[in-house]
Every structure is written in C-alpha cells, then in structure tokens.
Amino acid sequence: MTLANQLTLIRIGLIPLFVVVFFLPFGWGHFVSALIFSAAAITDWADGYVARKYNQSTKLGAFLDPVADKLMVVIALVLLVTLYPAAWFATCAIVIVGREIVISALREWMAELGERASVAVSYIGKVKTTLQMVAIIVLLADIDTLRWIGFVAIVAAAALTLWSMVLYLKAAKPYLLADMDGKSDNESSN
C-alpha cells in the first residue's frame, strides 16, 4: 500500500468522525468539524503530490481518490443544508452534487471509449474546487463574522460548477452525438 493510497484511506476514515463531531451538542462541534474537513482537504492535496512526486500512482488510487473527494464534499454539503436551510443554499448544493454525478458518469463513459483525456480536469474545475473547499470550511466553522465569505464562495462555486459542466459536455459532444446517431464504437472511429 503506497503512502498516497494511505492518505486517501485516511480521508475516507475521517468521514464518520466528521459527521459525528458535526452533530455533537457542543458549541465547538461545528468548528472542530471544519478542522476535520480541512485535514481531509489537506490529505487530498498531499496524496496527489506524493503520487506524482514519488511515482506512486496506482489504479486503486485513481479509483479511491475521486470517490473520497466526492464523499467528503457531498456529505459536507448535506450537513450544511441542515445548518443553512434556505432554498438558494440547497440549490447551490444540488447544482454541485448533480454536476459531480453527471461528470463522474461522463468520465466513466468516455474512459470506456478510450477518450478520457477529452474530459480531463480543467483550470476552471480547479478554481471551482478551491472556492467550494473554502466555502465548506468557512460555513462548517459557523462563525458569524465570516459566514458571508462562505456564502459568496458557495454561490461562485455553484456558478463555476455549471460553467465547467457545460465545458465538459461540449468536449464530449461529438462522442455523445455519434452515440445518439446509433453508431457503434467501431463505426464512430472510422
């Protein structure tokens, strides 16, 4: 088991702790849950760095890393909707979660076609992820004077989420149209 994969497994292991701490009936529960989420976000950066720098990329890591990321983000957003039960906030969470589902399925389908590189992570996706992480950490901490930063960041992340999804779908459009026209994989490559 590589160090990169161990870091990913730590991130997955932090999820139950994160949820339990979030619901603790103490004033510090939300702040500590933000710290746990932050630690998980750091392991996300660290496992990628270690995998690239020390050539520790594995098929298991390629599978587990995005699963761990999506689990942390989706669970955090669900918890935050309970903390901020407003329609606009729920809409932002739905947009982010829905995009993750669509793009994960699209990447899987494109990989089956041997065209996964056509839907690789873009710069916009990285900016979206950064804003999303900032929003989640700030909103989990639930500090009155900083809450507005989290709200602005979550709205910006949701907007970039939609934009990046459009870009991904645009990149996949020729393959989607070829499949809709009923061409087989062999026919569309000829």
N, C-alpha and C. Protein backbone atom coordinates (compact mmCIF):
# COMPACT_ATOMS: atom_id res chain seq x y z
N MET A 1 0.85 -1.18 0.00
CA MET A 1 0.00 0.00 0.00
C MET A 1 0.90 1.24 0.00
N THR A 2 0.72 2.08 -1.00
CA THR A 2 1.55 3.28 -1.12
C THR A 2 1.12 4.34 -0.11
N LEU A 3 2.01 5.28 0.16
CA LEU A 3 1.68 6.39 1.05
C LEU A 3 0.51 7.19 0.50
N ALA A 4 0.50 7.42 -0.81
CA ALA A 4 -0.60 8.17 -1.42
C ALA A 4 -1.93 7.49 -1.15
N ASN A 5 -1.99 6.18 -1.30
CA ASN A 5 -3.24 5.45 -1.04
C ASN A 5 -3.59 5.47 0.44
N GLN A 6 -2.60 5.42 1.30
CA GLN A 6 -2.86 5.50 2.74
C GLN A 6 -3.49 6.85 3.10
N LEU A 7 -3.00 7.92 2.49
CA LEU A 7 -3.58 9.25 2.73
C LEU A 7 -5.04 9.30 2.27
N THR A 8 -5.32 8.68 1.14
CA THR A 8 -6.70 8.63 0.65
C THR A 8 -7.58 7.86 1.62
N LEU A 9 -7.09 6.74 2.13
CA LEU A 9 -7.86 5.94 3.09
C LEU A 9 -8.08 6.70 4.39
N ILE A 10 -7.10 7.50 4.80
CA ILE A 10 -7.28 8.35 5.99
C ILE A 10 -8.43 9.32 5.74
N ARG A 11 -8.47 9.91 4.55
CA ARG A 11 -9.55 10.84 4.20
C ARG A 11 -10.91 10.16 4.31
N ILE A 12 -11.01 8.95 3.80
CA ILE A 12 -12.27 8.20 3.89
C ILE A 12 -12.59 7.90 5.36
N GLY A 13 -11.57 7.54 6.13
CA GLY A 13 -11.77 7.26 7.55
C GLY A 13 -12.21 8.46 8.36
N LEU A 14 -11.88 9.66 7.91
CA LEU A 14 -12.27 10.88 8.62
C LEU A 14 -13.77 11.18 8.46
N ILE A 15 -14.41 10.59 7.46
CA ILE A 15 -15.82 10.93 7.18
C ILE A 15 -16.73 10.64 8.38
N PRO A 16 -16.72 9.43 8.95
CA PRO A 16 -17.62 9.20 10.10
C PRO A 16 -17.32 10.13 11.28
N LEU A 17 -16.04 10.36 11.54
CA LEU A 17 -15.66 11.28 12.62
C LEU A 17 -16.20 12.68 12.35
N PHE A 18 -16.05 13.13 11.12
CA PHE A 18 -16.55 14.44 10.68
C PHE A 18 -18.04 14.57 10.95
N VAL A 19 -18.82 13.55 10.59
CA VAL A 19 -20.28 13.60 10.76
C VAL A 19 -20.64 13.60 12.24
N VAL A 20 -20.02 12.73 13.01
CA VAL A 20 -20.32 12.65 14.45
C VAL A 20 -20.01 13.98 15.13
N VAL A 21 -18.85 14.54 14.86
CA VAL A 21 -18.47 15.80 15.50
C VAL A 21 -19.41 16.93 15.09
N PHE A 22 -19.84 16.95 13.84
CA PHE A 22 -20.77 17.98 13.37
C PHE A 22 -22.04 18.01 14.23
N PHE A 23 -22.52 16.83 14.61
CA PHE A 23 -23.78 16.75 15.35
C PHE A 23 -23.63 16.73 16.87
N LEU A 24 -22.39 16.88 17.36
CA LEU A 24 -22.21 16.93 18.80
C LEU A 24 -22.95 18.14 19.38
N PRO A 25 -23.55 17.99 20.54
CA PRO A 25 -24.34 19.09 21.12
C PRO A 25 -23.48 20.10 21.90
N PHE A 26 -22.35 20.44 21.34
CA PHE A 26 -21.46 21.40 21.98
C PHE A 26 -21.22 22.56 21.02
N GLY A 27 -20.98 23.74 21.56
CA GLY A 27 -20.75 24.92 20.74
C GLY A 27 -19.55 24.80 19.81
N TRP A 28 -18.58 23.98 20.17
CA TRP A 28 -17.36 23.84 19.38
C TRP A 28 -17.48 22.76 18.29
N GLY A 29 -18.58 22.04 18.25
CA GLY A 29 -18.74 20.93 17.31
C GLY A 29 -18.57 21.32 15.86
N HIS A 30 -19.19 22.41 15.46
CA HIS A 30 -19.09 22.83 14.06
C HIS A 30 -17.68 23.28 13.71
N PHE A 31 -17.05 24.00 14.63
CA PHE A 31 -15.69 24.46 14.36
C PHE A 31 -14.73 23.28 14.21
N VAL A 32 -14.86 22.30 15.09
CA VAL A 32 -13.99 21.12 15.01
C VAL A 32 -14.30 20.31 13.74
N SER A 33 -15.56 20.25 13.34
CA SER A 33 -15.89 19.55 12.09
C SER A 33 -15.24 20.26 10.90
N ALA A 34 -15.13 21.58 10.97
CA ALA A 34 -14.43 22.33 9.92
C ALA A 34 -12.94 21.99 9.91
N LEU A 35 -12.37 21.80 11.09
CA LEU A 35 -10.96 21.40 11.18
C LEU A 35 -10.75 20.00 10.60
N ILE A 36 -11.67 19.09 10.88
CA ILE A 36 -11.57 17.73 10.34
C ILE A 36 -11.69 17.76 8.82
N PHE A 37 -12.64 18.54 8.32
CA PHE A 37 -12.79 18.68 6.87
C PHE A 37 -11.52 19.28 6.26
N SER A 38 -10.94 20.26 6.95
CA SER A 38 -9.69 20.87 6.47
C SER A 38 -8.57 19.84 6.40
N ALA A 39 -8.47 19.00 7.42
CA ALA A 39 -7.46 17.94 7.43
C ALA A 39 -7.68 17.00 6.25
N ALA A 40 -8.92 16.67 5.98
CA ALA A 40 -9.23 15.81 4.84
C ALA A 40 -8.84 16.49 3.53
N ALA A 41 -9.09 17.78 3.42
CA ALA A 41 -8.72 18.52 2.21
C ALA A 41 -7.20 18.54 2.03
N ILE A 42 -6.48 18.65 3.13
CA ILE A 42 -5.01 18.62 3.05
C ILE A 42 -4.53 17.25 2.59
N THR A 43 -5.16 16.17 3.08
CA THR A 43 -4.76 14.84 2.62
C THR A 43 -5.06 14.67 1.14
N ASP A 44 -6.09 15.34 0.65
CA ASP A 44 -6.41 15.27 -0.79
C ASP A 44 -5.26 15.88 -1.59
N TRP A 45 -4.80 17.04 -1.17
CA TRP A 45 -3.67 17.67 -1.86
C TRP A 45 -2.42 16.80 -1.70
N ALA A 46 -2.19 16.32 -0.47
CA ALA A 46 -0.96 15.56 -0.18
C ALA A 46 -0.90 14.25 -0.94
N ASP A 47 -2.03 13.53 -1.06
CA ASP A 47 -1.95 12.24 -1.76
C ASP A 47 -1.63 12.45 -3.24
N GLY A 48 -2.18 13.49 -3.83
CA GLY A 48 -1.85 13.79 -5.23
C GLY A 48 -0.40 14.18 -5.40
N TYR A 49 0.10 15.00 -4.48
CA TYR A 49 1.50 15.43 -4.54
C TYR A 49 2.43 14.23 -4.40
N VAL A 50 2.17 13.39 -3.41
CA VAL A 50 3.02 12.22 -3.16
C VAL A 50 2.96 11.26 -4.35
N ALA A 51 1.77 11.04 -4.88
CA ALA A 51 1.63 10.12 -6.01
C ALA A 51 2.43 10.59 -7.22
N ARG A 52 2.40 11.91 -7.49
CA ARG A 52 3.14 12.44 -8.64
C ARG A 52 4.64 12.50 -8.37
N LYS A 53 5.02 13.04 -7.22
CA LYS A 53 6.45 13.24 -6.92
C LYS A 53 7.21 11.93 -6.78
N TYR A 54 6.59 10.94 -6.18
CA TYR A 54 7.27 9.67 -5.91
C TYR A 54 6.77 8.53 -6.79
N ASN A 55 6.09 8.90 -7.87
CA ASN A 55 5.60 7.93 -8.84
C ASN A 55 4.83 6.80 -8.15
N GLN A 56 3.86 7.20 -7.33
CA GLN A 56 3.06 6.22 -6.58
C GLN A 56 1.63 6.12 -7.12
N SER A 57 1.42 6.53 -8.35
CA SER A 57 0.09 6.42 -8.94
C SER A 57 -0.26 4.95 -9.12
N THR A 58 -1.46 4.59 -8.67
CA THR A 58 -1.94 3.22 -8.82
C THR A 58 -3.38 3.25 -9.33
N LYS A 59 -3.82 2.13 -9.84
CA LYS A 59 -5.22 2.03 -10.28
C LYS A 59 -6.16 2.17 -9.09
N LEU A 60 -5.77 1.58 -7.96
CA LEU A 60 -6.58 1.71 -6.75
C LEU A 60 -6.69 3.18 -6.34
N GLY A 61 -5.58 3.89 -6.35
CA GLY A 61 -5.58 5.31 -6.02
C GLY A 61 -6.41 6.14 -6.99
N ALA A 62 -6.32 5.81 -8.28
CA ALA A 62 -7.10 6.53 -9.29
C ALA A 62 -8.59 6.33 -9.07
N PHE A 63 -8.96 5.19 -8.51
CA PHE A 63 -10.38 4.93 -8.19
C PHE A 63 -10.76 5.59 -6.87
N LEU A 64 -9.95 5.36 -5.81
CA LEU A 64 -10.31 5.81 -4.47
C LEU A 64 -10.28 7.33 -4.29
N ASP A 65 -9.31 8.00 -4.90
CA ASP A 65 -9.15 9.44 -4.69
C ASP A 65 -10.41 10.23 -5.05
N PRO A 66 -10.95 10.07 -6.26
CA PRO A 66 -12.16 10.85 -6.56
C PRO A 66 -13.38 10.40 -5.74
N VAL A 67 -13.43 9.12 -5.37
CA VAL A 67 -14.53 8.66 -4.52
C VAL A 67 -14.45 9.34 -3.15
N ALA A 68 -13.25 9.38 -2.58
CA ALA A 68 -13.07 10.03 -1.28
C ALA A 68 -13.42 11.51 -1.36
N ASP A 69 -12.98 12.17 -2.42
CA ASP A 69 -13.28 13.60 -2.60
C ASP A 69 -14.78 13.85 -2.65
N LYS A 70 -15.45 13.08 -3.49
CA LYS A 70 -16.89 13.28 -3.68
C LYS A 70 -17.67 12.95 -2.41
N LEU A 71 -17.27 11.89 -1.70
CA LEU A 71 -17.95 11.57 -0.45
C LEU A 71 -17.82 12.71 0.55
N MET A 72 -16.61 13.23 0.72
CA MET A 72 -16.42 14.33 1.67
C MET A 72 -17.25 15.55 1.31
N VAL A 73 -17.22 15.92 0.04
CA VAL A 73 -17.93 17.13 -0.38
C VAL A 73 -19.44 16.94 -0.30
N VAL A 74 -19.94 15.83 -0.79
CA VAL A 74 -21.39 15.60 -0.77
C VAL A 74 -21.90 15.54 0.66
N ILE A 75 -21.21 14.81 1.51
CA ILE A 75 -21.64 14.71 2.91
C ILE A 75 -21.58 16.08 3.59
N ALA A 76 -20.53 16.83 3.34
CA ALA A 76 -20.42 18.18 3.91
C ALA A 76 -21.57 19.07 3.45
N LEU A 77 -21.90 19.01 2.17
CA LEU A 77 -22.99 19.84 1.65
C LEU A 77 -24.34 19.44 2.25
N VAL A 78 -24.56 18.14 2.40
CA VAL A 78 -25.81 17.69 3.02
C VAL A 78 -25.89 18.21 4.46
N LEU A 79 -24.79 18.12 5.20
CA LEU A 79 -24.78 18.63 6.57
C LEU A 79 -25.01 20.14 6.59
N LEU A 80 -24.40 20.84 5.65
CA LEU A 80 -24.56 22.31 5.61
C LEU A 80 -25.98 22.72 5.27
N VAL A 81 -26.67 21.94 4.47
CA VAL A 81 -28.07 22.25 4.16
C VAL A 81 -28.92 22.16 5.43
N THR A 82 -28.54 21.29 6.36
CA THR A 82 -29.26 21.23 7.64
C THR A 82 -28.95 22.46 8.50
N LEU A 83 -27.77 23.01 8.33
CA LEU A 83 -27.36 24.19 9.11
C LEU A 83 -27.89 25.49 8.49
N TYR A 84 -27.97 25.52 7.17
CA TYR A 84 -28.45 26.70 6.44
C TYR A 84 -29.61 26.28 5.53
N PRO A 85 -30.79 26.08 6.10
CA PRO A 85 -31.92 25.53 5.32
C PRO A 85 -32.65 26.59 4.48
N ALA A 86 -31.94 27.18 3.55
CA ALA A 86 -32.54 28.17 2.64
C ALA A 86 -32.59 27.56 1.24
N ALA A 87 -33.61 27.94 0.48
CA ALA A 87 -33.78 27.38 -0.87
C ALA A 87 -32.58 27.68 -1.75
N TRP A 88 -32.04 28.90 -1.68
CA TRP A 88 -30.90 29.24 -2.54
C TRP A 88 -29.67 28.40 -2.19
N PHE A 89 -29.50 28.12 -0.88
CA PHE A 89 -28.35 27.33 -0.46
C PHE A 89 -28.52 25.88 -0.91
N ALA A 90 -29.71 25.35 -0.75
CA ALA A 90 -30.00 23.98 -1.20
C ALA A 90 -29.80 23.87 -2.71
N THR A 91 -30.17 24.91 -3.44
CA THR A 91 -29.99 24.91 -4.89
C THR A 91 -28.50 24.84 -5.25
N CYS A 92 -27.69 25.62 -4.57
CA CYS A 92 -26.24 25.56 -4.80
C CYS A 92 -25.71 24.16 -4.53
N ALA A 93 -26.14 23.56 -3.42
CA ALA A 93 -25.69 22.20 -3.07
C ALA A 93 -26.14 21.20 -4.13
N ILE A 94 -27.37 21.31 -4.60
CA ILE A 94 -27.90 20.40 -5.62
C ILE A 94 -27.12 20.55 -6.92
N VAL A 95 -26.81 21.77 -7.30
CA VAL A 95 -26.03 22.01 -8.53
C VAL A 95 -24.67 21.34 -8.42
N ILE A 96 -23.99 21.52 -7.29
CA ILE A 96 -22.65 20.95 -7.10
C ILE A 96 -22.70 19.43 -7.09
N VAL A 97 -23.63 18.86 -6.33
CA VAL A 97 -23.73 17.39 -6.25
C VAL A 97 -24.18 16.82 -7.60
N GLY A 98 -25.17 17.45 -8.22
CA GLY A 98 -25.65 16.96 -9.52
C GLY A 98 -24.56 16.97 -10.57
N ARG A 99 -23.76 18.00 -10.60
CA ARG A 99 -22.66 18.08 -11.55
C ARG A 99 -21.65 16.98 -11.32
N GLU A 100 -21.36 16.70 -10.05
CA GLU A 100 -20.41 15.63 -9.73
C GLU A 100 -20.90 14.29 -10.26
N ILE A 101 -22.18 14.03 -10.13
CA ILE A 101 -22.75 12.78 -10.62
C ILE A 101 -22.67 12.72 -12.14
N VAL A 102 -23.07 13.80 -12.80
CA VAL A 102 -23.06 13.83 -14.27
C VAL A 102 -21.65 13.68 -14.81
N ILE A 103 -20.71 14.45 -14.27
CA ILE A 103 -19.33 14.42 -14.79
C ILE A 103 -18.65 13.09 -14.46
N SER A 104 -18.93 12.50 -13.30
CA SER A 104 -18.36 11.18 -12.99
C SER A 104 -18.85 10.15 -14.01
N ALA A 105 -20.13 10.18 -14.30
CA ALA A 105 -20.68 9.24 -15.29
C ALA A 105 -20.10 9.51 -16.67
N LEU A 106 -19.97 10.78 -17.03
CA LEU A 106 -19.41 11.14 -18.33
C LEU A 106 -17.96 10.68 -18.45
N ARG A 107 -17.17 10.88 -17.40
CA ARG A 107 -15.77 10.44 -17.43
C ARG A 107 -15.68 8.92 -17.57
N GLU A 108 -16.54 8.22 -16.86
CA GLU A 108 -16.55 6.76 -16.95
C GLU A 108 -16.89 6.31 -18.38
N TRP A 109 -17.88 6.93 -18.96
CA TRP A 109 -18.31 6.59 -20.31
C TRP A 109 -17.21 6.92 -21.32
N MET A 110 -16.61 8.10 -21.16
CA MET A 110 -15.53 8.50 -22.07
C MET A 110 -14.32 7.57 -21.92
N ALA A 111 -14.06 7.11 -20.71
CA ALA A 111 -12.95 6.17 -20.50
C ALA A 111 -13.22 4.86 -21.24
N GLU A 112 -14.47 4.42 -21.25
CA GLU A 112 -14.82 3.21 -21.99
C GLU A 112 -14.58 3.39 -23.49
N LEU A 113 -14.72 4.62 -23.96
CA LEU A 113 -14.47 4.91 -25.37
C LEU A 113 -12.98 5.15 -25.65
N GLY A 114 -12.19 5.18 -24.60
CA GLY A 114 -10.75 5.47 -24.75
C GLY A 114 -10.49 6.95 -24.95
N GLU A 115 -11.41 7.79 -24.52
CA GLU A 115 -11.30 9.24 -24.73
C GLU A 115 -11.36 10.02 -23.42
N ARG A 116 -10.92 9.41 -22.34
CA ARG A 116 -10.99 10.07 -21.03
C ARG A 116 -10.26 11.41 -21.02
N ALA A 117 -9.16 11.51 -21.75
CA ALA A 117 -8.40 12.76 -21.79
C ALA A 117 -9.23 13.92 -22.33
N SER A 118 -10.27 13.62 -23.10
CA SER A 118 -11.13 14.66 -23.65
C SER A 118 -11.92 15.38 -22.56
N VAL A 119 -12.08 14.72 -21.40
CA VAL A 119 -12.81 15.34 -20.29
C VAL A 119 -11.93 15.40 -19.04
N ALA A 120 -10.68 15.74 -19.23
CA ALA A 120 -9.74 15.86 -18.10
C ALA A 120 -10.09 17.10 -17.28
N VAL A 121 -9.60 17.14 -16.05
CA VAL A 121 -9.86 18.27 -15.15
C VAL A 121 -9.31 19.54 -15.77
N SER A 122 -10.12 20.58 -15.76
CA SER A 122 -9.72 21.86 -16.35
C SER A 122 -9.33 22.85 -15.25
N TYR A 123 -8.77 23.97 -15.67
CA TYR A 123 -8.40 25.03 -14.74
C TYR A 123 -9.65 25.56 -14.01
N ILE A 124 -10.75 25.69 -14.74
CA ILE A 124 -11.99 26.18 -14.13
C ILE A 124 -12.43 25.21 -13.03
N GLY A 125 -12.27 23.93 -13.28
CA GLY A 125 -12.62 22.93 -12.28
C GLY A 125 -11.78 23.07 -11.02
N LYS A 126 -10.51 23.42 -11.19
CA LYS A 126 -9.64 23.59 -10.03
C LYS A 126 -10.03 24.83 -9.22
N VAL A 127 -10.38 25.91 -9.91
CA VAL A 127 -10.84 27.13 -9.23
C VAL A 127 -12.15 26.84 -8.50
N LYS A 128 -13.05 26.12 -9.18
CA LYS A 128 -14.32 25.74 -8.56
C LYS A 128 -14.09 24.93 -7.30
N THR A 129 -13.19 23.98 -7.37
CA THR A 129 -12.90 23.14 -6.22
C THR A 129 -12.33 23.96 -5.07
N THR A 130 -11.44 24.91 -5.37
CA THR A 130 -10.88 25.76 -4.33
C THR A 130 -11.97 26.59 -3.65
N LEU A 131 -12.82 27.21 -4.45
CA LEU A 131 -13.92 28.01 -3.88
C LEU A 131 -14.86 27.14 -3.05
N GLN A 132 -15.13 25.97 -3.57
CA GLN A 132 -16.02 25.03 -2.87
C GLN A 132 -15.44 24.64 -1.52
N MET A 133 -14.14 24.35 -1.48
CA MET A 133 -13.49 23.96 -0.23
C MET A 133 -13.49 25.12 0.77
N VAL A 134 -13.18 26.32 0.29
CA VAL A 134 -13.20 27.50 1.16
C VAL A 134 -14.60 27.69 1.73
N ALA A 135 -15.61 27.60 0.86
CA ALA A 135 -17.00 27.78 1.30
C ALA A 135 -17.37 26.75 2.36
N ILE A 136 -17.06 25.50 2.10
CA ILE A 136 -17.44 24.45 3.03
C ILE A 136 -16.74 24.64 4.38
N ILE A 137 -15.46 24.91 4.36
CA ILE A 137 -14.72 25.08 5.62
C ILE A 137 -15.25 26.27 6.42
N VAL A 138 -15.45 27.40 5.74
CA VAL A 138 -15.94 28.60 6.44
C VAL A 138 -17.35 28.37 6.97
N LEU A 139 -18.21 27.75 6.18
CA LEU A 139 -19.59 27.54 6.61
C LEU A 139 -19.69 26.47 7.70
N LEU A 140 -18.84 25.47 7.64
CA LEU A 140 -18.83 24.47 8.72
C LEU A 140 -18.42 25.11 10.04
N ALA A 141 -17.44 26.00 9.98
CA ALA A 141 -16.95 26.65 11.20
C ALA A 141 -18.06 27.47 11.86
N ASP A 142 -19.01 27.95 11.05
CA ASP A 142 -20.20 28.65 11.55
C ASP A 142 -19.84 29.84 12.44
N ILE A 143 -18.92 30.68 11.93
CA ILE A 143 -18.52 31.90 12.64
C ILE A 143 -19.27 33.07 12.01
N ASP A 144 -20.05 33.76 12.82
CA ASP A 144 -20.93 34.82 12.32
C ASP A 144 -20.24 35.82 11.40
N THR A 145 -19.07 36.30 11.80
CA THR A 145 -18.41 37.37 11.05
C THR A 145 -17.80 36.89 9.73
N LEU A 146 -17.64 35.57 9.57
CA LEU A 146 -17.04 35.03 8.34
C LEU A 146 -18.06 34.35 7.42
N ARG A 147 -19.27 34.16 7.92
CA ARG A 147 -20.27 33.41 7.17
C ARG A 147 -20.49 33.96 5.76
N TRP A 148 -20.46 35.27 5.59
CA TRP A 148 -20.70 35.88 4.28
C TRP A 148 -19.66 35.41 3.26
N ILE A 149 -18.42 35.18 3.70
CA ILE A 149 -17.38 34.68 2.79
C ILE A 149 -17.78 33.31 2.26
N GLY A 150 -18.27 32.47 3.15
CA GLY A 150 -18.72 31.14 2.74
C GLY A 150 -19.89 31.20 1.78
N PHE A 151 -20.83 32.12 2.04
CA PHE A 151 -21.99 32.24 1.15
C PHE A 151 -21.57 32.72 -0.25
N VAL A 152 -20.70 33.71 -0.29
CA VAL A 152 -20.22 34.20 -1.59
C VAL A 152 -19.46 33.09 -2.32
N ALA A 153 -18.62 32.39 -1.60
CA ALA A 153 -17.82 31.33 -2.21
C ALA A 153 -18.69 30.18 -2.71
N ILE A 154 -19.75 29.82 -1.99
CA ILE A 154 -20.59 28.70 -2.43
C ILE A 154 -21.40 29.08 -3.67
N VAL A 155 -21.83 30.31 -3.76
CA VAL A 155 -22.55 30.77 -4.96
C VAL A 155 -21.60 30.80 -6.15
N ALA A 156 -20.39 31.32 -5.94
CA ALA A 156 -19.39 31.35 -7.02
C ALA A 156 -19.03 29.92 -7.44
N ALA A 157 -18.88 29.02 -6.47
CA ALA A 157 -18.55 27.62 -6.79
C ALA A 157 -19.67 26.98 -7.60
N ALA A 158 -20.92 27.26 -7.23
CA ALA A 158 -22.06 26.70 -7.97
C ALA A 158 -22.08 27.24 -9.41
N ALA A 159 -21.80 28.53 -9.58
CA ALA A 159 -21.77 29.11 -10.93
C ALA A 159 -20.66 28.48 -11.75
N LEU A 160 -19.47 28.35 -11.18
CA LEU A 160 -18.36 27.72 -11.90
C LEU A 160 -18.63 26.24 -12.16
N THR A 161 -19.38 25.62 -11.26
CA THR A 161 -19.77 24.22 -11.43
C THR A 161 -20.58 24.06 -12.71
N LEU A 162 -21.56 24.94 -12.88
CA LEU A 162 -22.38 24.89 -14.11
C LEU A 162 -21.53 25.15 -15.35
N TRP A 163 -20.66 26.16 -15.27
CA TRP A 163 -19.81 26.52 -16.40
C TRP A 163 -18.90 25.36 -16.78
N SER A 164 -18.25 24.76 -15.77
CA SER A 164 -17.34 23.65 -16.07
C SER A 164 -18.10 22.45 -16.62
N MET A 165 -19.33 22.23 -16.15
CA MET A 165 -20.12 21.12 -16.68
C MET A 165 -20.43 21.34 -18.15
N VAL A 166 -20.77 22.57 -18.51
CA VAL A 166 -21.03 22.90 -19.91
C VAL A 166 -19.78 22.63 -20.75
N LEU A 167 -18.61 23.02 -20.23
CA LEU A 167 -17.36 22.79 -20.97
C LEU A 167 -17.09 21.29 -21.15
N TYR A 168 -17.32 20.51 -20.10
CA TYR A 168 -17.13 19.06 -20.20
C TYR A 168 -18.08 18.46 -21.23
N LEU A 169 -19.34 18.86 -21.16
CA LEU A 169 -20.33 18.32 -22.11
C LEU A 169 -20.01 18.75 -23.54
N LYS A 170 -19.51 19.97 -23.69
CA LYS A 170 -19.12 20.44 -25.02
C LYS A 170 -17.97 19.60 -25.57
N ALA A 171 -17.00 19.26 -24.71
CA ALA A 171 -15.87 18.43 -25.14
C ALA A 171 -16.34 17.03 -25.53
N ALA A 172 -17.36 16.55 -24.84
CA ALA A 172 -17.86 15.20 -25.11
C ALA A 172 -18.93 15.17 -26.19
N LYS A 173 -19.37 16.32 -26.64
CA LYS A 173 -20.49 16.41 -27.59
C LYS A 173 -20.31 15.53 -28.83
N PRO A 174 -19.15 15.54 -29.50
CA PRO A 174 -19.03 14.70 -30.70
C PRO A 174 -19.27 13.21 -30.41
N TYR A 175 -18.82 12.76 -29.25
CA TYR A 175 -18.99 11.36 -28.88
C TYR A 175 -20.43 11.07 -28.50
N LEU A 176 -21.05 12.02 -27.80
CA LEU A 176 -22.45 11.87 -27.44
C LEU A 176 -23.34 11.83 -28.68
N LEU A 177 -23.07 12.75 -29.63
CA LEU A 177 -23.87 12.79 -30.86
C LEU A 177 -23.68 11.54 -31.69
N ALA A 178 -22.43 11.05 -31.77
CA ALA A 178 -22.17 9.83 -32.53
C ALA A 178 -22.93 8.66 -31.92
N ASP A 179 -22.98 8.61 -30.59
CA ASP A 179 -23.69 7.53 -29.92
C ASP A 179 -25.20 7.68 -30.11
N MET A 180 -25.68 8.91 -30.11
CA MET A 180 -27.12 9.15 -30.30
C MET A 180 -27.54 8.81 -31.72
N ASP A 181 -26.62 8.94 -32.66
CA ASP A 181 -26.92 8.59 -34.06
C ASP A 181 -26.94 7.09 -34.27
N GLY A 182 -26.62 6.34 -33.21
CA GLY A 182 -26.68 4.90 -33.30
C GLY A 182 -25.43 4.27 -33.86
N LYS A 183 -24.35 5.03 -33.96
CA LYS A 183 -23.11 4.46 -34.47
C LYS A 183 -22.45 3.64 -33.37
N SER A 184 -21.91 2.50 -33.74
CA SER A 184 -21.19 1.70 -32.75
C SER A 184 -19.83 2.34 -32.51
N ASP A 185 -19.14 1.83 -31.49
CA ASP A 185 -17.80 2.36 -31.19
C ASP A 185 -16.89 2.24 -32.39
N ASN A 186 -16.97 1.14 -33.11
CA ASN A 186 -16.11 0.94 -34.27
C ASN A 186 -16.47 1.88 -35.42
N GLU A 187 -17.76 2.11 -35.63
CA GLU A 187 -18.21 2.98 -36.71
C GLU A 187 -17.80 4.43 -36.47
N SER A 188 -17.91 4.89 -35.18
CA SER A 188 -17.62 6.30 -34.90
C SER A 188 -16.12 6.59 -35.02
N SER A 189 -15.27 5.56 -34.89
CA SER A 189 -13.84 5.81 -35.01
C SER A 189 -13.36 5.72 -36.46
N ASN A 190 -14.19 5.21 -37.35
CA ASN A 190 -13.81 5.10 -38.78
C ASN A 190 -14.13 6.37 -39.54
